[in-house]
Amino acid sequence: MSAPHCDVEGELGIETPHGPIRCIGTGAAFEITFLNVRQLVRVGSSFRSGTIGALSYWLLSAAQRKRISVKLRIGKRIVGDVRSKNGKDRPRVKLRFLNLAAAVVGGNSVQN
């Protein structure tokens, strides 16, 4: 049985100790925009542990079940996708290393 399609629309700002993160939803996708690579790494390590980690995995799993794609962005570059492997509950981040390297070298960061 296939999951029903779901549309998302809107914007959410999240304040973290490492700076703000923007989540923008349009249609069947949403993008999480980080200020720079350092923020992506620091926030990512925080999400892997504790209650915040459990909540983020639950939200990302729910998005996968509703066929909402999740992309990670730094500036204008998409540097990763959140994917679920063969129906497993725990989503994984697949980084786009060339775009990630270009964001580091090119200084492609979001300016406040």
PDB file of N, CA and C in Angstrom:
ATOM      1  N   MET A   1       0.836  -1.164   0.000  1.00  0.00           N
ATOM      2  CA  MET A   1       0.000   0.000   0.000  1.00  0.00           C
ATOM      3  C   MET A   1       0.889   1.238   0.000  1.00  0.00           C
ATOM      4  N   SER A   2       0.640   2.160  -0.906  1.00  0.00           N
ATOM      5  CA  SER A   2       1.483   3.335  -0.997  1.00  0.00           C
ATOM      6  C   SER A   2       0.984   4.429  -0.060  1.00  0.00           C
ATOM      7  N   ALA A   3       1.916   5.252   0.364  1.00  0.00           N
ATOM      8  CA  ALA A   3       1.588   6.353   1.274  1.00  0.00           C
ATOM      9  C   ALA A   3       0.905   7.470   0.500  1.00  0.00           C
ATOM     10  N   PRO A   4      -0.040   8.152   1.111  1.00  0.00           N
ATOM     11  CA  PRO A   4      -0.694   9.269   0.430  1.00  0.00           C
ATOM     12  C   PRO A   4       0.270  10.434   0.230  1.00  0.00           C
ATOM     13  N   HIS A   5       0.078  11.163  -0.865  1.00  0.00           N
ATOM     14  CA  HIS A   5       0.901  12.332  -1.156  1.00  0.00           C
ATOM     15  C   HIS A   5       0.469  13.490  -0.260  1.00  0.00           C
ATOM     16  N   CYS A   6       1.405  14.320   0.127  1.00  0.00           N
ATOM     17  CA  CYS A   6       1.112  15.443   1.017  1.00  0.00           C
ATOM     18  C   CYS A   6       1.883  16.660   0.521  1.00  0.00           C
ATOM     19  N   ASP A   7       1.249  17.833   0.522  1.00  0.00           N
ATOM     20  CA  ASP A   7       1.909  19.075   0.142  1.00  0.00           C
ATOM     21  C   ASP A   7       2.242  19.885   1.388  1.00  0.00           C
ATOM     22  N   VAL A   8       3.369  20.569   1.336  1.00  0.00           N
ATOM     23  CA  VAL A   8       3.775  21.449   2.430  1.00  0.00           C
ATOM     24  C   VAL A   8       3.956  22.858   1.887  1.00  0.00           C
ATOM     25  N   GLU A   9       3.684  23.833   2.702  1.00  0.00           N
ATOM     26  CA  GLU A   9       3.842  25.227   2.292  1.00  0.00           C
ATOM     27  C   GLU A   9       4.149  26.059   3.525  1.00  0.00           C
ATOM     28  N   GLY A  10       5.189  26.848   3.471  1.00  0.00           N
ATOM     29  CA  GLY A  10       5.492  27.735   4.582  1.00  0.00           C
ATOM     30  C   GLY A  10       6.966  27.801   4.905  1.00  0.00           C
ATOM     31  N   GLU A  11       7.275  28.587   5.926  1.00  0.00           N
ATOM     32  CA  GLU A  11       8.652  28.803   6.333  1.00  0.00           C
ATOM     33  C   GLU A  11       8.740  28.764   7.851  1.00  0.00           C
ATOM     34  N   LEU A  12       9.822  28.190   8.352  1.00  0.00           N
ATOM     35  CA  LEU A  12      10.043  28.077   9.779  1.00  0.00           C
ATOM     36  C   LEU A  12      11.480  28.469  10.078  1.00  0.00           C
ATOM     37  N   GLY A  13      11.678  29.349  11.046  1.00  0.00           N
ATOM     38  CA  GLY A  13      13.014  29.706  11.498  1.00  0.00           C
ATOM     39  C   GLY A  13      13.287  29.030  12.823  1.00  0.00           C
ATOM     40  N   ILE A  14      14.446  28.398  12.941  1.00  0.00           N
ATOM     41  CA  ILE A  14      14.823  27.697  14.166  1.00  0.00           C
ATOM     42  C   ILE A  14      16.105  28.328  14.700  1.00  0.00           C
ATOM     43  N   GLU A  15      16.057  28.817  15.921  1.00  0.00           N
ATOM     44  CA  GLU A  15      17.250  29.380  16.549  1.00  0.00           C
ATOM     45  C   GLU A  15      18.015  28.251  17.243  1.00  0.00           C
ATOM     46  N   THR A  16      19.294  28.136  16.947  1.00  0.00           N
ATOM     47  CA  THR A  16      20.156  27.150  17.594  1.00  0.00           C
ATOM     48  C   THR A  16      21.317  27.886  18.254  1.00  0.00           C
ATOM     49  N   PRO A  17      22.048  27.225  19.146  1.00  0.00           N
ATOM     50  CA  PRO A  17      23.236  27.866  19.733  1.00  0.00           C
ATOM     51  C   PRO A  17      24.296  28.212  18.682  1.00  0.00           C
ATOM     52  N   HIS A  18      24.190  27.618  17.492  1.00  0.00           N
ATOM     53  CA  HIS A  18      25.174  27.830  16.432  1.00  0.00           C
ATOM     54  C   HIS A  18      24.644  28.733  15.330  1.00  0.00           C
ATOM     55  N   GLY A  19      23.514  29.410  15.569  1.00  0.00           N
ATOM     56  CA  GLY A  19      22.949  30.311  14.582  1.00  0.00           C
ATOM     57  C   GLY A  19      21.610  29.811  14.069  1.00  0.00           C
ATOM     58  N   PRO A  20      20.888  30.665  13.337  1.00  0.00           N
ATOM     59  CA  PRO A  20      19.543  30.291  12.866  1.00  0.00           C
ATOM     60  C   PRO A  20      19.575  29.323  11.686  1.00  0.00           C
ATOM     61  N   ILE A  21      18.553  28.489  11.611  1.00  0.00           N
ATOM     62  CA  ILE A  21      18.337  27.568  10.494  1.00  0.00           C
ATOM     63  C   ILE A  21      16.974  27.910   9.917  1.00  0.00           C
ATOM     64  N   ARG A  22      16.851  27.912   8.608  1.00  0.00           N
ATOM     65  CA  ARG A  22      15.556  28.157   7.959  1.00  0.00           C
ATOM     66  C   ARG A  22      15.066  26.869   7.316  1.00  0.00           C
ATOM     67  N   CYS A  23      13.795  26.578   7.508  1.00  0.00           N
ATOM     68  CA  CYS A  23      13.144  25.451   6.843  1.00  0.00           C
ATOM     69  C   CYS A  23      12.059  26.034   5.943  1.00  0.00           C
ATOM     70  N   ILE A  24      12.137  25.744   4.667  1.00  0.00           N
ATOM     71  CA  ILE A  24      11.176  26.276   3.707  1.00  0.00           C
ATOM     72  C   ILE A  24      10.513  25.105   3.003  1.00  0.00           C
ATOM     73  N   GLY A  25       9.192  25.062   3.066  1.00  0.00           N
ATOM     74  CA  GLY A  25       8.430  24.000   2.426  1.00  0.00           C
ATOM     75  C   GLY A  25       7.670  24.506   1.227  1.00  0.00           C
ATOM     76  N   THR A  26       7.795  23.790   0.121  1.00  0.00           N
ATOM     77  CA  THR A  26       7.033  24.101  -1.086  1.00  0.00           C
ATOM     78  C   THR A  26       6.652  22.795  -1.765  1.00  0.00           C
ATOM     79  N   GLY A  27       5.363  22.590  -1.974  1.00  0.00           N
ATOM     80  CA  GLY A  27       4.892  21.394  -2.674  1.00  0.00           C
ATOM     81  C   GLY A  27       5.196  20.128  -1.919  1.00  0.00           C
ATOM     82  N   ALA A  28       5.880  19.204  -2.560  1.00  0.00           N
ATOM     83  CA  ALA A  28       6.176  17.906  -1.967  1.00  0.00           C
ATOM     84  C   ALA A  28       7.613  17.838  -1.446  1.00  0.00           C
ATOM     85  N   ALA A  29       8.173  19.003  -1.060  1.00  0.00           N
ATOM     86  CA  ALA A  29       9.552  19.023  -0.582  1.00  0.00           C
ATOM     87  C   ALA A  29       9.733  20.136   0.441  1.00  0.00           C
ATOM     88  N   PHE A  30      10.740  19.956   1.293  1.00  0.00           N
ATOM     89  CA  PHE A  30      11.183  21.083   2.085  1.00  0.00           C
ATOM     90  C   PHE A  30      12.694  21.063   2.180  1.00  0.00           C
ATOM     91  N   GLU A  31      13.248  22.263   2.327  1.00  0.00           N
ATOM     92  CA  GLU A  31      14.689  22.436   2.382  1.00  0.00           C
ATOM     93  C   GLU A  31      15.072  23.039   3.721  1.00  0.00           C
ATOM     94  N   ILE A  32      16.150  22.523   4.270  1.00  0.00           N
ATOM     95  CA  ILE A  32      16.697  23.029   5.525  1.00  0.00           C
ATOM     96  C   ILE A  32      17.976  23.777   5.154  1.00  0.00           C
ATOM     97  N   THR A  33      18.001  25.088   5.402  1.00  0.00           N
ATOM     98  CA  THR A  33      19.116  25.927   4.986  1.00  0.00           C
ATOM     99  C   THR A  33      19.978  26.303   6.185  1.00  0.00           C
ATOM    100  N   PHE A  34      21.258  25.960   6.095  1.00  0.00           N
ATOM    101  CA  PHE A  34      22.237  26.259   7.129  1.00  0.00           C
ATOM    102  C   PHE A  34      23.059  27.474   6.717  1.00  0.00           C
ATOM    103  N   LEU A  35      23.639  28.169   7.691  1.00  0.00           N
ATOM    104  CA  LEU A  35      24.451  29.348   7.401  1.00  0.00           C
ATOM    105  C   LEU A  35      25.745  28.984   6.681  1.00  0.00           C
ATOM    106  N   ASN A  36      26.385  27.887   7.115  1.00  0.00           N
ATOM    107  CA  ASN A  36      27.662  27.467   6.539  1.00  0.00           C
ATOM    108  C   ASN A  36      27.904  26.004   6.916  1.00  0.00           C
ATOM    109  N   VAL A  37      29.014  25.456   6.450  1.00  0.00           N
ATOM    110  CA  VAL A  37      29.334  24.045   6.696  1.00  0.00           C
ATOM    111  C   VAL A  37      29.558  23.788   8.183  1.00  0.00           C
ATOM    112  N   ARG A  38      30.197  24.715   8.870  1.00  0.00           N
ATOM    113  CA  ARG A  38      30.457  24.548  10.309  1.00  0.00           C
ATOM    114  C   ARG A  38      29.143  24.381  11.075  1.00  0.00           C
ATOM    115  N   GLN A  39      28.146  25.196  10.745  1.00  0.00           N
ATOM    116  CA  GLN A  39      26.847  25.081  11.414  1.00  0.00           C
ATOM    117  C   GLN A  39      26.197  23.741  11.091  1.00  0.00           C
ATOM    118  N   LEU A  40      26.280  23.293   9.851  1.00  0.00           N
ATOM    119  CA  LEU A  40      25.722  21.993   9.456  1.00  0.00           C
ATOM    120  C   LEU A  40      26.318  20.871  10.294  1.00  0.00           C
ATOM    121  N   VAL A  41      27.630  20.886  10.483  1.00  0.00           N
ATOM    122  CA  VAL A  41      28.308  19.838  11.255  1.00  0.00           C
ATOM    123  C   VAL A  41      27.930  19.922  12.729  1.00  0.00           C
ATOM    124  N   ARG A  42      27.949  21.117  13.301  1.00  0.00           N
ATOM    125  CA  ARG A  42      27.651  21.264  14.731  1.00  0.00           C
ATOM    126  C   ARG A  42      26.202  20.926  15.059  1.00  0.00           C
ATOM    127  N   VAL A  43      25.286  21.422  14.254  1.00  0.00           N
ATOM    128  CA  VAL A  43      23.873  21.128  14.499  1.00  0.00           C
ATOM    129  C   VAL A  43      23.599  19.652  14.242  1.00  0.00           C
ATOM    130  N   GLY A  44      24.209  19.095  13.203  1.00  0.00           N
ATOM    131  CA  GLY A  44      24.027  17.676  12.900  1.00  0.00           C
ATOM    132  C   GLY A  44      24.463  16.779  14.034  1.00  0.00           C
ATOM    133  N   SER A  45      25.570  17.119  14.698  1.00  0.00           N
ATOM    134  CA  SER A  45      26.026  16.288  15.819  1.00  0.00           C
ATOM    135  C   SER A  45      25.069  16.409  17.002  1.00  0.00           C
ATOM    136  N   SER A  46      24.441  17.569  17.181  1.00  0.00           N
ATOM    137  CA  SER A  46      23.463  17.733  18.260  1.00  0.00           C
ATOM    138  C   SER A  46      22.207  16.906  18.000  1.00  0.00           C
ATOM    139  N   PHE A  47      21.804  16.808  16.731  1.00  0.00           N
ATOM    140  CA  PHE A  47      20.587  16.071  16.386  1.00  0.00           C
ATOM    141  C   PHE A  47      20.755  14.558  16.500  1.00  0.00           C
ATOM    142  N   ARG A  48      21.984  14.073  16.550  1.00  0.00           N
ATOM    143  CA  ARG A  48      22.188  12.630  16.619  1.00  0.00           C
ATOM    144  C   ARG A  48      22.034  12.061  18.017  1.00  0.00           C
ATOM    145  N   SER A  49      21.847  12.917  19.015  1.00  0.00           N
ATOM    146  CA  SER A  49      21.774  12.397  20.370  1.00  0.00           C
ATOM    147  C   SER A  49      20.574  12.969  21.114  1.00  0.00           C
ATOM    148  N   GLY A  50      20.169  12.269  22.151  1.00  0.00           N
ATOM    149  CA  GLY A  50      19.150  12.753  23.068  1.00  0.00           C
ATOM    150  C   GLY A  50      17.754  12.874  22.497  1.00  0.00           C
ATOM    151  N   THR A  51      16.946  13.636  23.190  1.00  0.00           N
ATOM    152  CA  THR A  51      15.537  13.819  22.831  1.00  0.00           C
ATOM    153  C   THR A  51      15.389  14.524  21.495  1.00  0.00           C
ATOM    154  N   ILE A  52      16.237  15.505  21.230  1.00  0.00           N
ATOM    155  CA  ILE A  52      16.169  16.230  19.958  1.00  0.00           C
ATOM    156  C   ILE A  52      16.422  15.268  18.804  1.00  0.00           C
ATOM    157  N   GLY A  53      17.355  14.355  18.971  1.00  0.00           N
ATOM    158  CA  GLY A  53      17.637  13.376  17.928  1.00  0.00           C
ATOM    159  C   GLY A  53      16.452  12.480  17.656  1.00  0.00           C
ATOM    160  N   ALA A  54      15.813  12.003  18.716  1.00  0.00           N
ATOM    161  CA  ALA A  54      14.638  11.135  18.548  1.00  0.00           C
ATOM    162  C   ALA A  54      13.507  11.879  17.847  1.00  0.00           C
ATOM    163  N   LEU A  55      13.302  13.137  18.214  1.00  0.00           N
ATOM    164  CA  LEU A  55      12.249  13.935  17.595  1.00  0.00           C
ATOM    165  C   LEU A  55      12.546  14.211  16.121  1.00  0.00           C
ATOM    166  N   SER A  56      13.798  14.553  15.819  1.00  0.00           N
ATOM    167  CA  SER A  56      14.136  14.843  14.421  1.00  0.00           C
ATOM    168  C   SER A  56      14.000  13.594  13.560  1.00  0.00           C
ATOM    169  N   TYR A  57      14.403  12.431  14.061  1.00  0.00           N
ATOM    170  CA  TYR A  57      14.235  11.197  13.287  1.00  0.00           C
ATOM    171  C   TYR A  57      12.758  10.878  13.073  1.00  0.00           C
ATOM    172  N   TRP A  58      11.949  11.143  14.079  1.00  0.00           N
ATOM    173  CA  TRP A  58      10.516  10.898  13.941  1.00  0.00           C
ATOM    174  C   TRP A  58       9.922  11.799  12.867  1.00  0.00           C
ATOM    175  N   LEU A  59      10.277  13.100  12.883  1.00  0.00           N
ATOM    176  CA  LEU A  59       9.759  14.032  11.889  1.00  0.00           C
ATOM    177  C   LEU A  59      10.227  13.681  10.475  1.00  0.00           C
ATOM    178  N   LEU A  60      11.500  13.339  10.344  1.00  0.00           N
ATOM    179  CA  LEU A  60      12.021  12.988   9.026  1.00  0.00           C
ATOM    180  C   LEU A  60      11.417  11.684   8.510  1.00  0.00           C
ATOM    181  N   SER A  61      11.172  10.739   9.400  1.00  0.00           N
ATOM    182  CA  SER A  61      10.516   9.482   8.998  1.00  0.00           C
ATOM    183  C   SER A  61       9.091   9.751   8.533  1.00  0.00           C
ATOM    184  N   ALA A  62       8.387  10.630   9.248  1.00  0.00           N
ATOM    185  CA  ALA A  62       7.018  10.985   8.852  1.00  0.00           C
ATOM    186  C   ALA A  62       7.016  11.642   7.478  1.00  0.00           C
ATOM    187  N   ALA A  63       7.987  12.512   7.212  1.00  0.00           N
ATOM    188  CA  ALA A  63       8.085  13.155   5.901  1.00  0.00           C
ATOM    189  C   ALA A  63       8.315  12.115   4.811  1.00  0.00           C
ATOM    190  N   GLN A  64       9.182  11.142   5.077  1.00  0.00           N
ATOM    191  CA  GLN A  64       9.450  10.096   4.095  1.00  0.00           C
ATOM    192  C   GLN A  64       8.205   9.273   3.797  1.00  0.00           C
ATOM    193  N   ARG A  65       7.431   8.951   4.840  1.00  0.00           N
ATOM    194  CA  ARG A  65       6.211   8.162   4.627  1.00  0.00           C
ATOM    195  C   ARG A  65       5.183   8.912   3.794  1.00  0.00           C
ATOM    196  N   LYS A  66       5.171  10.237   3.880  1.00  0.00           N
ATOM    197  CA  LYS A  66       4.235  11.060   3.107  1.00  0.00           C
ATOM    198  C   LYS A  66       4.820  11.512   1.781  1.00  0.00           C
ATOM    199  N   ARG A  67       5.968  10.958   1.415  1.00  0.00           N
ATOM    200  CA  ARG A  67       6.652  11.277   0.161  1.00  0.00           C
ATOM    201  C   ARG A  67       7.037  12.744   0.051  1.00  0.00           C
ATOM    202  N   ILE A  68       7.442  13.322   1.155  1.00  0.00           N
ATOM    203  CA  ILE A  68       7.949  14.689   1.163  1.00  0.00           C
ATOM    204  C   ILE A  68       9.470  14.590   1.147  1.00  0.00           C
ATOM    205  N   SER A  69      10.100  15.111   0.109  1.00  0.00           N
ATOM    206  CA  SER A  69      11.558  15.033   0.046  1.00  0.00           C
ATOM    207  C   SER A  69      12.158  16.130   0.921  1.00  0.00           C
ATOM    208  N   VAL A  70      13.309  15.817   1.502  1.00  0.00           N
ATOM    209  CA  VAL A  70      13.992  16.741   2.408  1.00  0.00           C
ATOM    210  C   VAL A  70      15.400  16.962   1.865  1.00  0.00           C
ATOM    211  N   LYS A  71      15.751  18.215   1.639  1.00  0.00           N
ATOM    212  CA  LYS A  71      17.068  18.585   1.117  1.00  0.00           C
ATOM    213  C   LYS A  71      17.777  19.469   2.133  1.00  0.00           C
ATOM    214  N   LEU A  72      19.102  19.354   2.185  1.00  0.00           N
ATOM    215  CA  LEU A  72      19.937  20.202   3.028  1.00  0.00           C
ATOM    216  C   LEU A  72      20.644  21.198   2.118  1.00  0.00           C
ATOM    217  N   ARG A  73      20.627  22.467   2.494  1.00  0.00           N
ATOM    218  CA  ARG A  73      21.163  23.521   1.640  1.00  0.00           C
ATOM    219  C   ARG A  73      22.101  24.417   2.445  1.00  0.00           C
ATOM    220  N   ILE A  74      23.164  24.866   1.759  1.00  0.00           N
ATOM    221  CA  ILE A  74      24.033  25.920   2.266  1.00  0.00           C
ATOM    222  C   ILE A  74      24.106  26.952   1.155  1.00  0.00           C
ATOM    223  N   GLY A  75      23.622  28.149   1.430  1.00  0.00           N
ATOM    224  CA  GLY A  75      23.580  29.172   0.384  1.00  0.00           C
ATOM    225  C   GLY A  75      22.710  28.712  -0.764  1.00  0.00           C
ATOM    226  N   LYS A  76      23.256  28.731  -1.968  1.00  0.00           N
ATOM    227  CA  LYS A  76      22.502  28.317  -3.156  1.00  0.00           C
ATOM    228  C   LYS A  76      22.742  26.860  -3.523  1.00  0.00           C
ATOM    229  N   ARG A  77      23.547  26.155  -2.765  1.00  0.00           N
ATOM    230  CA  ARG A  77      23.912  24.773  -3.091  1.00  0.00           C
ATOM    231  C   ARG A  77      23.161  23.766  -2.232  1.00  0.00           C
ATOM    232  N   ILE A  78      22.601  22.768  -2.874  1.00  0.00           N
ATOM    233  CA  ILE A  78      22.022  21.637  -2.147  1.00  0.00           C
ATOM    234  C   ILE A  78      23.171  20.688  -1.845  1.00  0.00           C
ATOM    235  N   VAL A  79      23.437  20.472  -0.554  1.00  0.00           N
ATOM    236  CA  VAL A  79      24.602  19.684  -0.144  1.00  0.00           C
ATOM    237  C   VAL A  79      24.234  18.304   0.385  1.00  0.00           C
ATOM    238  N   GLY A  80      22.945  17.998   0.490  1.00  0.00           N
ATOM    239  CA  GLY A  80      22.558  16.678   0.984  1.00  0.00           C
ATOM    240  C   GLY A  80      21.081  16.423   0.836  1.00  0.00           C
ATOM    241  N   ASP A  81      20.729  15.148   0.884  1.00  0.00           N
ATOM    242  CA  ASP A  81      19.348  14.689   0.830  1.00  0.00           C
ATOM    243  C   ASP A  81      19.117  13.758   2.008  1.00  0.00           C
ATOM    244  N   VAL A  82      17.916  13.774   2.544  1.00  0.00           N
ATOM    245  CA  VAL A  82      17.552  12.833   3.596  1.00  0.00           C
ATOM    246  C   VAL A  82      16.751  11.726   2.927  1.00  0.00           C
ATOM    247  N   ARG A  83      17.213  10.490   3.096  1.00  0.00           N
ATOM    248  CA  ARG A  83      16.583   9.355   2.436  1.00  0.00           C
ATOM    249  C   ARG A  83      16.334   8.231   3.424  1.00  0.00           C
ATOM    250  N   SER A  84      15.355   7.411   3.081  1.00  0.00           N
ATOM    251  CA  SER A  84      15.062   6.216   3.849  1.00  0.00           C
ATOM    252  C   SER A  84      15.407   5.012   2.990  1.00  0.00           C
ATOM    253  N   LYS A  85      16.127   4.058   3.555  1.00  0.00           N
ATOM    254  CA  LYS A  85      16.539   2.891   2.785  1.00  0.00           C
ATOM    255  C   LYS A  85      15.540   1.755   2.914  1.00  0.00           C
ATOM    256  N   ASN A  86      14.951   1.368   1.823  1.00  0.00           N
ATOM    257  CA  ASN A  86      14.094   0.186   1.734  1.00  0.00           C
ATOM    258  C   ASN A  86      13.102   0.058   2.891  1.00  0.00           C
ATOM    259  N   GLY A  87      12.389   1.132   3.185  1.00  0.00           N
ATOM    260  CA  GLY A  87      11.339   1.079   4.185  1.00  0.00           C
ATOM    261  C   GLY A  87      11.797   1.102   5.629  1.00  0.00           C
ATOM    262  N   LYS A  88      13.089   1.342   5.865  1.00  0.00           N
ATOM    263  CA  LYS A  88      13.559   1.408   7.253  1.00  0.00           C
ATOM    264  C   LYS A  88      13.079   2.698   7.886  1.00  0.00           C
ATOM    265  N   ASP A  89      12.821   2.657   9.190  1.00  0.00           N
ATOM    266  CA  ASP A  89      12.285   3.815   9.899  1.00  0.00           C
ATOM    267  C   ASP A  89      13.310   4.934  10.066  1.00  0.00           C
ATOM    268  N   ARG A  90      14.552   4.596  10.163  1.00  0.00           N
ATOM    269  CA  ARG A  90      15.579   5.596  10.478  1.00  0.00           C
ATOM    270  C   ARG A  90      16.139   6.208   9.187  1.00  0.00           C
ATOM    271  N   PRO A  91      15.813   7.466   8.913  1.00  0.00           N
ATOM    272  CA  PRO A  91      16.320   8.108   7.697  1.00  0.00           C
ATOM    273  C   PRO A  91      17.817   8.379   7.788  1.00  0.00           C
ATOM    274  N   ARG A  92      18.452   8.450   6.649  1.00  0.00           N
ATOM    275  CA  ARG A  92      19.890   8.710   6.558  1.00  0.00           C
ATOM    276  C   ARG A  92      20.124   9.943   5.703  1.00  0.00           C
ATOM    277  N   VAL A  93      21.191  10.662   6.005  1.00  0.00           N
ATOM    278  CA  VAL A  93      21.572  11.823   5.214  1.00  0.00           C
ATOM    279  C   VAL A  93      22.608  11.376   4.191  1.00  0.00           C
ATOM    280  N   LYS A  94      22.331  11.660   2.928  1.00  0.00           N
ATOM    281  CA  LYS A  94      23.294  11.383   1.864  1.00  0.00           C
ATOM    282  C   LYS A  94      23.853  12.724   1.408  1.00  0.00           C
ATOM    283  N   LEU A  95      25.125  12.944   1.693  1.00  0.00           N
ATOM    284  CA  LEU A  95      25.759  14.210   1.354  1.00  0.00           C
ATOM    285  C   LEU A  95      26.206  14.212  -0.098  1.00  0.00           C
ATOM    286  N   ARG A  96      26.128  15.350  -0.716  1.00  0.00           N
ATOM    287  CA  ARG A  96      26.641  15.569  -2.073  1.00  0.00           C
ATOM    288  C   ARG A  96      28.018  16.221  -1.893  1.00  0.00           C
ATOM    289  N   PHE A  97      29.057  15.384  -1.896  1.00  0.00           N
ATOM    290  CA  PHE A  97      30.380  15.840  -1.494  1.00  0.00           C
ATOM    291  C   PHE A  97      30.952  16.926  -2.397  1.00  0.00           C
ATOM    292  N   LEU A  98      30.683  16.878  -3.696  1.00  0.00           N
ATOM    293  CA  LEU A  98      31.203  17.926  -4.573  1.00  0.00           C
ATOM    294  C   LEU A  98      30.567  19.276  -4.242  1.00  0.00           C
ATOM    295  N   ASN A  99      29.265  19.285  -3.991  1.00  0.00           N
ATOM    296  CA  ASN A  99      28.600  20.538  -3.616  1.00  0.00           C
ATOM    297  C   ASN A  99      29.048  20.998  -2.232  1.00  0.00           C
ATOM    298  N   LEU A 100      29.260  20.056  -1.334  1.00  0.00           N
ATOM    299  CA  LEU A 100      29.725  20.392   0.005  1.00  0.00           C
ATOM    300  C   LEU A 100      31.125  21.002  -0.058  1.00  0.00           C
ATOM    301  N   ALA A 101      32.009  20.395  -0.849  1.00  0.00           N
ATOM    302  CA  ALA A 101      33.360  20.934  -1.022  1.00  0.00           C
ATOM    303  C   ALA A 101      33.313  22.314  -1.671  1.00  0.00           C
ATOM    304  N   ALA A 102      32.440  22.493  -2.652  1.00  0.00           N
ATOM    305  CA  ALA A 102      32.315  23.797  -3.307  1.00  0.00           C
ATOM    306  C   ALA A 102      31.813  24.853  -2.323  1.00  0.00           C
ATOM    307  N   ALA A 103      30.922  24.464  -1.409  1.00  0.00           N
ATOM    308  CA  ALA A 103      30.426  25.402  -0.401  1.00  0.00           C
ATOM    309  C   ALA A 103      31.541  25.801   0.560  1.00  0.00           C
ATOM    310  N   VAL A 104      32.443  24.861   0.865  1.00  0.00           N
ATOM    311  CA  VAL A 104      33.570  25.159   1.760  1.00  0.00           C
ATOM    312  C   VAL A 104      34.575  26.059   1.051  1.00  0.00           C
ATOM    313  N   VAL A 105      34.991  25.673  -0.151  1.00  0.00           N
ATOM    314  CA  VAL A 105      36.028  26.397  -0.880  1.00  0.00           C
ATOM    315  C   VAL A 105      35.516  27.743  -1.386  1.00  0.00           C
ATOM    316  N   GLY A 106      34.301  27.740  -1.910  1.00  0.00           N
ATOM    317  CA  GLY A 106      33.766  28.957  -2.501  1.00  0.00           C
ATOM    318  C   GLY A 106      33.202  29.939  -1.501  1.00  0.00           C
ATOM    319  N   GLY A 107      33.164  29.562  -0.232  1.00  0.00           N
ATOM    320  CA  GLY A 107      32.603  30.449   0.767  1.00  0.00           C
ATOM    321  C   GLY A 107      31.126  30.715   0.524  1.00  0.00           C
ATOM    322  N   ASN A 108      30.434  29.738  -0.014  1.00  0.00           N
ATOM    323  CA  ASN A 108      29.010  29.900  -0.364  1.00  0.00           C
ATOM    324  C   ASN A 108      28.170  29.748   0.890  1.00  0.00           C
ATOM    325  N   SER A 109      28.093  30.810   1.660  1.00  0.00           N
ATOM    326  CA  SER A 109      27.306  30.755   2.882  1.00  0.00           C
ATOM    327  C   SER A 109      26.193  31.779   2.843  1.00  0.00           C
ATOM    328  N   VAL A 110      25.232  31.611   3.719  1.00  0.00           N
ATOM    329  CA  VAL A 110      24.096  32.514   3.800  1.00  0.00           C
ATOM    330  C   VAL A 110      24.516  33.729   4.624  1.00  0.00           C
ATOM    331  N   GLN A 111      24.218  34.890   4.152  1.00  0.00           N
ATOM    332  CA  GLN A 111      24.519  36.105   4.896  1.00  0.00           C
ATOM    333  C   GLN A 111      23.282  36.590   5.613  1.00  0.00           C
ATOM    334  N   ASN A 112      23.417  36.998   6.865  1.00  0.00           N
ATOM    335  CA  ASN A 112      22.280  37.546   7.629  1.00  0.00           C
ATOM    336  C   ASN A 112      22.075  38.999   7.274  1.00  0.00           C
TER     337      ASN A 112
END
